Amino acid sequence: MVVRVAERARESGADAVIVATDDVRIERAVRGAGFDAVMTRGDHASGTDRLAEVVEFLGLDAEAVLVNVQGDEPFVEPGMVRALALLLEA
């Protein structure tokens, strides 16, 4: 399911799709499908907390535009991801 979500995110035209996970099985599946993955701690209370760890790990600056799509959203619309990114950028 996570790979499907990553594929939908890529269809949005995102510059990069990075999956943040604390599960090595997910990391392997994601990398095997050609996506980037970052292993995170397992004690995060939310996906937003996990995203914050990835931002710090990657050294992204305050101007970076990130859209947090949860791995259990296989029907996420790429257009919605793109629209949200554009709103955040503005």
PDB file of N, CA and C in Angstrom:
ATOM      1  N   MET A   1       0.815  -1.189   0.000  1.00  0.00           N
ATOM      2  CA  MET A   1       0.000   0.000   0.000  1.00  0.00           C
ATOM      3  C   MET A   1       0.864   1.260   0.000  1.00  0.00           C
ATOM      4  N   VAL A   2       1.959   1.247   0.752  1.00  0.00           N
ATOM      5  CA  VAL A   2       2.824   2.430   0.826  1.00  0.00           C
ATOM      6  C   VAL A   2       3.416   2.744  -0.543  1.00  0.00           C
ATOM      7  N   VAL A   3       3.784   1.721  -1.294  1.00  0.00           N
ATOM      8  CA  VAL A   3       4.330   1.953  -2.643  1.00  0.00           C
ATOM      9  C   VAL A   3       3.271   2.608  -3.518  1.00  0.00           C
ATOM     10  N   ARG A   4       2.034   2.170  -3.408  1.00  0.00           N
ATOM     11  CA  ARG A   4       0.935   2.776  -4.177  1.00  0.00           C
ATOM     12  C   ARG A   4       0.787   4.257  -3.816  1.00  0.00           C
ATOM     13  N   VAL A   5       0.874   4.570  -2.546  1.00  0.00           N
ATOM     14  CA  VAL A   5       0.782   5.966  -2.115  1.00  0.00           C
ATOM     15  C   VAL A   5       1.944   6.769  -2.694  1.00  0.00           C
ATOM     16  N   ALA A   6       3.149   6.207  -2.669  1.00  0.00           N
ATOM     17  CA  ALA A   6       4.322   6.886  -3.226  1.00  0.00           C
ATOM     18  C   ALA A   6       4.136   7.123  -4.728  1.00  0.00           C
ATOM     19  N   GLU A   7       3.571   6.152  -5.416  1.00  0.00           N
ATOM     20  CA  GLU A   7       3.316   6.318  -6.852  1.00  0.00           C
ATOM     21  C   GLU A   7       2.342   7.462  -7.091  1.00  0.00           C
ATOM     22  N   ARG A   8       1.296   7.536  -6.293  1.00  0.00           N
ATOM     23  CA  ARG A   8       0.320   8.619  -6.435  1.00  0.00           C
ATOM     24  C   ARG A   8       0.967   9.970  -6.130  1.00  0.00           C
ATOM     25  N   ALA A   9       1.824  10.009  -5.130  1.00  0.00           N
ATOM     26  CA  ALA A   9       2.525  11.250  -4.804  1.00  0.00           C
ATOM     27  C   ALA A   9       3.424  11.676  -5.960  1.00  0.00           C
ATOM     28  N   ARG A  10       4.107  10.716  -6.577  1.00  0.00           N
ATOM     29  CA  ARG A  10       4.972  11.031  -7.718  1.00  0.00           C
ATOM     30  C   ARG A  10       4.157  11.603  -8.873  1.00  0.00           C
ATOM     31  N   GLU A  11       2.942  11.084  -9.069  1.00  0.00           N
ATOM     32  CA  GLU A  11       2.067  11.566 -10.142  1.00  0.00           C
ATOM     33  C   GLU A  11       1.665  13.028  -9.940  1.00  0.00           C
ATOM     34  N   SER A  12       1.871  13.549  -8.748  1.00  0.00           N
ATOM     35  CA  SER A  12       1.528  14.949  -8.473  1.00  0.00           C
ATOM     36  C   SER A  12       2.526  15.904  -9.107  1.00  0.00           C
ATOM     37  N   GLY A  13       3.659  15.366  -9.567  1.00  0.00           N
ATOM     38  CA  GLY A  13       4.707  16.211 -10.116  1.00  0.00           C
ATOM     39  C   GLY A  13       5.710  16.653  -9.069  1.00  0.00           C
ATOM     40  N   ALA A  14       5.671  16.033  -7.913  1.00  0.00           N
ATOM     41  CA  ALA A  14       6.598  16.384  -6.828  1.00  0.00           C
ATOM     42  C   ALA A  14       8.042  16.244  -7.293  1.00  0.00           C
ATOM     43  N   ASP A  15       8.883  17.147  -6.829  1.00  0.00           N
ATOM     44  CA  ASP A  15      10.310  17.068  -7.144  1.00  0.00           C
ATOM     45  C   ASP A  15      10.929  15.813  -6.547  1.00  0.00           C
ATOM     46  N   ALA A  16      10.436  15.400  -5.403  1.00  0.00           N
ATOM     47  CA  ALA A  16      10.948  14.207  -4.729  1.00  0.00           C
ATOM     48  C   ALA A  16       9.841  13.577  -3.911  1.00  0.00           C
ATOM     49  N   VAL A  17       9.890  12.266  -3.818  1.00  0.00           N
ATOM     50  CA  VAL A  17       8.984  11.514  -2.946  1.00  0.00           C
ATOM     51  C   VAL A  17       9.867  10.700  -2.024  1.00  0.00           C
ATOM     52  N   ILE A  18       9.737  10.944  -0.742  1.00  0.00           N
ATOM     53  CA  ILE A  18      10.556  10.264   0.262  1.00  0.00           C
ATOM     54  C   ILE A  18       9.619   9.633   1.277  1.00  0.00           C
ATOM     55  N   VAL A  19       9.782   8.361   1.498  1.00  0.00           N
ATOM     56  CA  VAL A  19       8.964   7.658   2.480  1.00  0.00           C
ATOM     57  C   VAL A  19       9.731   7.606   3.799  1.00  0.00           C
ATOM     58  N   ALA A  20       9.073   8.051   4.848  1.00  0.00           N
ATOM     59  CA  ALA A  20       9.648   8.001   6.194  1.00  0.00           C
ATOM     60  C   ALA A  20       9.003   6.826   6.917  1.00  0.00           C
ATOM     61  N   THR A  21       9.827   5.939   7.440  1.00  0.00           N
ATOM     62  CA  THR A  21       9.294   4.751   8.102  1.00  0.00           C
ATOM     63  C   THR A  21      10.223   4.286   9.213  1.00  0.00           C
ATOM     64  N   ASP A  22       9.658   3.528  10.134  1.00  0.00           N
ATOM     65  CA  ASP A  22      10.486   2.891  11.156  1.00  0.00           C
ATOM     66  C   ASP A  22      10.498   1.377  10.967  1.00  0.00           C
ATOM     67  N   ASP A  23       9.983   0.916   9.827  1.00  0.00           N
ATOM     68  CA  ASP A  23       9.863  -0.512   9.542  1.00  0.00           C
ATOM     69  C   ASP A  23      10.760  -0.884   8.360  1.00  0.00           C
ATOM     70  N   VAL A  24      11.720  -1.745   8.602  1.00  0.00           N
ATOM     71  CA  VAL A  24      12.672  -2.121   7.563  1.00  0.00           C
ATOM     72  C   VAL A  24      11.984  -2.813   6.383  1.00  0.00           C
ATOM     73  N   ARG A  25      10.868  -3.495   6.626  1.00  0.00           N
ATOM     74  CA  ARG A  25      10.132  -4.141   5.521  1.00  0.00           C
ATOM     75  C   ARG A  25       9.564  -3.092   4.570  1.00  0.00           C
ATOM     76  N   ILE A  26       9.054  -2.011   5.128  1.00  0.00           N
ATOM     77  CA  ILE A  26       8.536  -0.921   4.290  1.00  0.00           C
ATOM     78  C   ILE A  26       9.678  -0.265   3.548  1.00  0.00           C
ATOM     79  N   GLU A  27      10.784  -0.023   4.232  1.00  0.00           N
ATOM     80  CA  GLU A  27      11.940   0.588   3.575  1.00  0.00           C
ATOM     81  C   GLU A  27      12.372  -0.251   2.373  1.00  0.00           C
ATOM     82  N   ARG A  28      12.479  -1.547   2.540  1.00  0.00           N
ATOM     83  CA  ARG A  28      12.904  -2.435   1.436  1.00  0.00           C
ATOM     84  C   ARG A  28      11.918  -2.388   0.271  1.00  0.00           C
ATOM     85  N   ALA A  29      10.623  -2.445   0.578  1.00  0.00           N
ATOM     86  CA  ALA A  29       9.611  -2.417  -0.475  1.00  0.00           C
ATOM     87  C   ALA A  29       9.654  -1.113  -1.250  1.00  0.00           C
ATOM     88  N   VAL A  30       9.801  -0.021  -0.526  1.00  0.00           N
ATOM     89  CA  VAL A  30       9.822   1.303  -1.141  1.00  0.00           C
ATOM     90  C   VAL A  30      11.066   1.465  -2.015  1.00  0.00           C
ATOM     91  N   ARG A  31      12.204   1.113  -1.475  1.00  0.00           N
ATOM     92  CA  ARG A  31      13.445   1.214  -2.257  1.00  0.00           C
ATOM     93  C   ARG A  31      13.409   0.273  -3.461  1.00  0.00           C
ATOM     94  N   GLY A  32      12.847  -0.915  -3.274  1.00  0.00           N
ATOM     95  CA  GLY A  32      12.719  -1.870  -4.376  1.00  0.00           C
ATOM     96  C   GLY A  32      11.855  -1.351  -5.503  1.00  0.00           C
ATOM     97  N   ALA A  33      10.932  -0.459  -5.181  1.00  0.00           N
ATOM     98  CA  ALA A  33      10.063   0.152  -6.193  1.00  0.00           C
ATOM     99  C   ALA A  33      10.671   1.427  -6.774  1.00  0.00           C
ATOM    100  N   GLY A  34      11.892   1.774  -6.332  1.00  0.00           N
ATOM    101  CA  GLY A  34      12.578   2.922  -6.901  1.00  0.00           C
ATOM    102  C   GLY A  34      12.384   4.239  -6.185  1.00  0.00           C
ATOM    103  N   PHE A  35      11.851   4.203  -4.977  1.00  0.00           N
ATOM    104  CA  PHE A  35      11.645   5.433  -4.215  1.00  0.00           C
ATOM    105  C   PHE A  35      12.699   5.559  -3.123  1.00  0.00           C
ATOM    106  N   ASP A  36      12.892   6.786  -2.654  1.00  0.00           N
ATOM    107  CA  ASP A  36      13.783   7.032  -1.528  1.00  0.00           C
ATOM    108  C   ASP A  36      13.039   6.753  -0.229  1.00  0.00           C
ATOM    109  N   ALA A  37      13.793   6.340   0.776  1.00  0.00           N
ATOM    110  CA  ALA A  37      13.213   6.107   2.096  1.00  0.00           C
ATOM    111  C   ALA A  37      14.201   6.566   3.153  1.00  0.00           C
ATOM    112  N   VAL A  38      13.662   7.037   4.266  1.00  0.00           N
ATOM    113  CA  VAL A  38      14.472   7.433   5.410  1.00  0.00           C
ATOM    114  C   VAL A  38      13.946   6.664   6.617  1.00  0.00           C
ATOM    115  N   MET A  39      14.845   5.959   7.282  1.00  0.00           N
ATOM    116  CA  MET A  39      14.467   5.255   8.506  1.00  0.00           C
ATOM    117  C   MET A  39      14.416   6.256   9.655  1.00  0.00           C
ATOM    118  N   THR A  40      13.340   6.184  10.419  1.00  0.00           N
ATOM    119  CA  THR A  40      13.149   7.091  11.545  1.00  0.00           C
ATOM    120  C   THR A  40      12.984   6.290  12.831  1.00  0.00           C
ATOM    121  N   ARG A  41      12.988   7.013  13.924  1.00  0.00           N
ATOM    122  CA  ARG A  41      12.735   6.384  15.226  1.00  0.00           C
ATOM    123  C   ARG A  41      11.329   5.798  15.242  1.00  0.00           C
ATOM    124  N   GLY A  42      11.105   4.862  16.122  1.00  0.00           N
ATOM    125  CA  GLY A  42       9.803   4.229  16.208  1.00  0.00           C
ATOM    126  C   GLY A  42       8.878   4.825  17.245  1.00  0.00           C
ATOM    127  N   ASP A  43       9.309   5.880  17.921  1.00  0.00           N
ATOM    128  CA  ASP A  43       8.520   6.414  19.023  1.00  0.00           C
ATOM    129  C   ASP A  43       7.730   7.679  18.684  1.00  0.00           C
ATOM    130  N   HIS A  44       7.547   7.965  17.408  1.00  0.00           N
ATOM    131  CA  HIS A  44       6.808   9.170  17.025  1.00  0.00           C
ATOM    132  C   HIS A  44       5.317   8.994  17.288  1.00  0.00           C
ATOM    133  N   ALA A  45       4.697  10.044  17.792  1.00  0.00           N
ATOM    134  CA  ALA A  45       3.263  10.018  18.073  1.00  0.00           C
ATOM    135  C   ALA A  45       2.426  10.218  16.817  1.00  0.00           C
ATOM    136  N   SER A  46       3.037  10.823  15.779  1.00  0.00           N
ATOM    137  CA  SER A  46       2.272  11.117  14.566  1.00  0.00           C
ATOM    138  C   SER A  46       3.198  11.147  13.354  1.00  0.00           C
ATOM    139  N   GLY A  47       2.571  11.131  12.176  1.00  0.00           N
ATOM    140  CA  GLY A  47       3.329  11.263  10.941  1.00  0.00           C
ATOM    141  C   GLY A  47       4.013  12.611  10.834  1.00  0.00           C
ATOM    142  N   THR A  48       3.415  13.622  11.435  1.00  0.00           N
ATOM    143  CA  THR A  48       4.024  14.956  11.419  1.00  0.00           C
ATOM    144  C   THR A  48       5.327  14.957  12.207  1.00  0.00           C
ATOM    145  N   ASP A  49       5.341  14.259  13.329  1.00  0.00           N
ATOM    146  CA  ASP A  49       6.578  14.143  14.109  1.00  0.00           C
ATOM    147  C   ASP A  49       7.649  13.397  13.310  1.00  0.00           C
ATOM    148  N   ARG A  50       7.235  12.354  12.608  1.00  0.00           N
ATOM    149  CA  ARG A  50       8.170  11.583  11.781  1.00  0.00           C
ATOM    150  C   ARG A  50       8.737  12.479  10.671  1.00  0.00           C
ATOM    151  N   LEU A  51       7.864  13.287  10.078  1.00  0.00           N
ATOM    152  CA  LEU A  51       8.288  14.218   9.031  1.00  0.00           C
ATOM    153  C   LEU A  51       9.309  15.215   9.566  1.00  0.00           C
ATOM    154  N   ALA A  52       9.092  15.713  10.760  1.00  0.00           N
ATOM    155  CA  ALA A  52      10.044  16.665  11.360  1.00  0.00           C
ATOM    156  C   ALA A  52      11.419  16.027  11.516  1.00  0.00           C
ATOM    157  N   GLU A  53      11.461  14.754  11.890  1.00  0.00           N
ATOM    158  CA  GLU A  53      12.751  14.071  11.994  1.00  0.00           C
ATOM    159  C   GLU A  53      13.438  13.993  10.630  1.00  0.00           C
ATOM    160  N   VAL A  54      12.682  13.722   9.585  1.00  0.00           N
ATOM    161  CA  VAL A  54      13.250  13.633   8.234  1.00  0.00           C
ATOM    162  C   VAL A  54      13.758  14.994   7.773  1.00  0.00           C
ATOM    163  N   VAL A  55      13.019  16.051   8.052  1.00  0.00           N
ATOM    164  CA  VAL A  55      13.452  17.407   7.694  1.00  0.00           C
ATOM    165  C   VAL A  55      14.805  17.696   8.324  1.00  0.00           C
ATOM    166  N   GLU A  56      14.936  17.373   9.598  1.00  0.00           N
ATOM    167  CA  GLU A  56      16.205  17.589  10.291  1.00  0.00           C
ATOM    168  C   GLU A  56      17.309  16.704   9.708  1.00  0.00           C
ATOM    169  N   PHE A  57      17.005  15.437   9.471  1.00  0.00           N
ATOM    170  CA  PHE A  57      17.976  14.492   8.925  1.00  0.00           C
ATOM    171  C   PHE A  57      18.498  14.953   7.563  1.00  0.00           C
ATOM    172  N   LEU A  58      17.597  15.429   6.709  1.00  0.00           N
ATOM    173  CA  LEU A  58      17.973  15.864   5.360  1.00  0.00           C
ATOM    174  C   LEU A  58      18.549  17.275   5.331  1.00  0.00           C
ATOM    175  N   GLY A  59      18.426  18.007   6.438  1.00  0.00           N
ATOM    176  CA  GLY A  59      18.947  19.366   6.494  1.00  0.00           C
ATOM    177  C   GLY A  59      18.182  20.330   5.607  1.00  0.00           C
ATOM    178  N   LEU A  60      16.880  20.120   5.468  1.00  0.00           N
ATOM    179  CA  LEU A  60      16.075  20.996   4.625  1.00  0.00           C
ATOM    180  C   LEU A  60      15.918  22.364   5.277  1.00  0.00           C
ATOM    181  N   ASP A  61      15.872  23.393   4.442  1.00  0.00           N
ATOM    182  CA  ASP A  61      15.745  24.740   4.996  1.00  0.00           C
ATOM    183  C   ASP A  61      14.275  25.103   5.212  1.00  0.00           C
ATOM    184  N   ALA A  62      14.061  26.225   5.832  1.00  0.00           N
ATOM    185  CA  ALA A  62      12.718  26.662   6.202  1.00  0.00           C
ATOM    186  C   ALA A  62      11.836  26.950   4.991  1.00  0.00           C
ATOM    187  N   GLU A  63      12.429  27.150   3.835  1.00  0.00           N
ATOM    188  CA  GLU A  63      11.662  27.449   2.626  1.00  0.00           C
ATOM    189  C   GLU A  63      11.213  26.190   1.886  1.00  0.00           C
ATOM    190  N   ALA A  64      11.644  25.034   2.317  1.00  0.00           N
ATOM    191  CA  ALA A  64      11.269  23.782   1.647  1.00  0.00           C
ATOM    192  C   ALA A  64       9.766  23.557   1.789  1.00  0.00           C
ATOM    193  N   VAL A  65       9.146  23.116   0.716  1.00  0.00           N
ATOM    194  CA  VAL A  65       7.720  22.816   0.716  1.00  0.00           C
ATOM    195  C   VAL A  65       7.567  21.307   0.796  1.00  0.00           C
ATOM    196  N   LEU A  66       6.881  20.859   1.840  1.00  0.00           N
ATOM    197  CA  LEU A  66       6.670  19.434   2.064  1.00  0.00           C
ATOM    198  C   LEU A  66       5.190  19.156   2.218  1.00  0.00           C
ATOM    199  N   VAL A  67       4.747  18.088   1.604  1.00  0.00           N
ATOM    200  CA  VAL A  67       3.373  17.638   1.763  1.00  0.00           C
ATOM    201  C   VAL A  67       3.432  16.268   2.419  1.00  0.00           C
ATOM    202  N   ASN A  68       2.802  16.143   3.564  1.00  0.00           N
ATOM    203  CA  ASN A  68       2.799  14.911   4.337  1.00  0.00           C
ATOM    204  C   ASN A  68       1.602  14.070   3.905  1.00  0.00           C
ATOM    205  N   VAL A  69       1.878  12.985   3.196  1.00  0.00           N
ATOM    206  CA  VAL A  69       0.827  12.055   2.783  1.00  0.00           C
ATOM    207  C   VAL A  69       1.028  10.772   3.574  1.00  0.00           C
ATOM    208  N   GLN A  70       0.018  10.335   4.275  1.00  0.00           N
ATOM    209  CA  GLN A  70       0.134   9.134   5.090  1.00  0.00           C
ATOM    210  C   GLN A  70       0.147   7.880   4.210  1.00  0.00           C
ATOM    211  N   GLY A  71       0.864   6.876   4.652  1.00  0.00           N
ATOM    212  CA  GLY A  71       1.044   5.649   3.879  1.00  0.00           C
ATOM    213  C   GLY A  71      -0.190   4.801   3.731  1.00  0.00           C
ATOM    214  N   ASP A  72      -1.256   5.140   4.437  1.00  0.00           N
ATOM    215  CA  ASP A  72      -2.496   4.370   4.316  1.00  0.00           C
ATOM    216  C   ASP A  72      -3.552   5.131   3.510  1.00  0.00           C
ATOM    217  N   GLU A  73      -3.094   5.960   2.569  1.00  0.00           N
ATOM    218  CA  GLU A  73      -4.003   6.734   1.724  1.00  0.00           C
ATOM    219  C   GLU A  73      -3.789   6.388   0.247  1.00  0.00           C
ATOM    220  N   PRO A  74      -4.071   5.141  -0.167  1.00  0.00           N
ATOM    221  CA  PRO A  74      -3.777   4.738  -1.551  1.00  0.00           C
ATOM    222  C   PRO A  74      -4.620   5.444  -2.602  1.00  0.00           C
ATOM    223  N   PHE A  75      -5.692   6.090  -2.184  1.00  0.00           N
ATOM    224  CA  PHE A  75      -6.556   6.777  -3.147  1.00  0.00           C
ATOM    225  C   PHE A  75      -6.347   8.286  -3.145  1.00  0.00           C
ATOM    226  N   VAL A  76      -5.257   8.744  -2.545  1.00  0.00           N
ATOM    227  CA  VAL A  76      -4.976  10.171  -2.539  1.00  0.00           C
ATOM    228  C   VAL A  76      -4.875  10.655  -3.993  1.00  0.00           C
ATOM    229  N   GLU A  77      -5.466  11.780  -4.253  1.00  0.00           N
ATOM    230  CA  GLU A  77      -5.475  12.336  -5.610  1.00  0.00           C
ATOM    231  C   GLU A  77      -4.211  13.155  -5.848  1.00  0.00           C
ATOM    232  N   PRO A  78      -3.448  12.827  -6.888  1.00  0.00           N
ATOM    233  CA  PRO A  78      -2.237  13.597  -7.177  1.00  0.00           C
ATOM    234  C   PRO A  78      -2.509  15.087  -7.322  1.00  0.00           C
ATOM    235  N   GLY A  79      -3.640  15.443  -7.896  1.00  0.00           N
ATOM    236  CA  GLY A  79      -3.981  16.850  -8.051  1.00  0.00           C
ATOM    237  C   GLY A  79      -4.142  17.559  -6.723  1.00  0.00           C
ATOM    238  N   MET A  80      -4.640  16.848  -5.722  1.00  0.00           N
ATOM    239  CA  MET A  80      -4.790  17.436  -4.390  1.00  0.00           C
ATOM    240  C   MET A  80      -3.419  17.664  -3.755  1.00  0.00           C
ATOM    241  N   VAL A  81      -2.520  16.724  -3.955  1.00  0.00           N
ATOM    242  CA  VAL A  81      -1.158  16.877  -3.430  1.00  0.00           C
ATOM    243  C   VAL A  81      -0.494  18.080  -4.091  1.00  0.00           C
ATOM    244  N   ARG A  82      -0.628  18.182  -5.402  1.00  0.00           N
ATOM    245  CA  ARG A  82      -0.047  19.304  -6.154  1.00  0.00           C
ATOM    246  C   ARG A  82      -0.659  20.629  -5.698  1.00  0.00           C
ATOM    247  N   ALA A  83      -1.979  20.671  -5.544  1.00  0.00           N
ATOM    248  CA  ALA A  83      -2.654  21.907  -5.127  1.00  0.00           C
ATOM    249  C   ALA A  83      -2.199  22.335  -3.745  1.00  0.00           C
ATOM    250  N   LEU A  84      -2.074  21.392  -2.847  1.00  0.00           N
ATOM    251  CA  LEU A  84      -1.607  21.731  -1.494  1.00  0.00           C
ATOM    252  C   LEU A  84      -0.172  22.259  -1.534  1.00  0.00           C
ATOM    253  N   ALA A  85       0.684  21.635  -2.330  1.00  0.00           N
ATOM    254  CA  ALA A  85       2.061  22.104  -2.455  1.00  0.00           C
ATOM    255  C   ALA A  85       2.103  23.523  -2.979  1.00  0.00           C
ATOM    256  N   LEU A  86       1.269  23.831  -3.950  1.00  0.00           N
ATOM    257  CA  LEU A  86       1.223  25.184  -4.513  1.00  0.00           C
ATOM    258  C   LEU A  86       0.736  26.198  -3.477  1.00  0.00           C
ATOM    259  N   LEU A  87      -0.246  25.808  -2.688  1.00  0.00           N
ATOM    260  CA  LEU A  87      -0.730  26.699  -1.623  1.00  0.00           C
ATOM    261  C   LEU A  87       0.357  26.940  -0.568  1.00  0.00           C
ATOM    262  N   LEU A  88       1.055  25.897  -0.187  1.00  0.00           N
ATOM    263  CA  LEU A  88       2.132  26.054   0.780  1.00  0.00           C
ATOM    264  C   LEU A  88       3.254  26.926   0.230  1.00  0.00           C
ATOM    265  N   GLU A  89       3.522  26.773  -1.044  1.00  0.00           N
ATOM    266  CA  GLU A  89       4.580  27.559  -1.679  1.00  0.00           C
ATOM    267  C   GLU A  89       4.218  29.044  -1.705  1.00  0.00           C
ATOM    268  N   ALA A  90       2.944  29.326  -1.956  1.00  0.00           N
ATOM    269  CA  ALA A  90       2.481  30.722  -2.019  1.00  0.00           C
ATOM    270  C   ALA A  90       2.544  31.342  -0.630  1.00  0.00           C
TER     271      ALA A  90
END
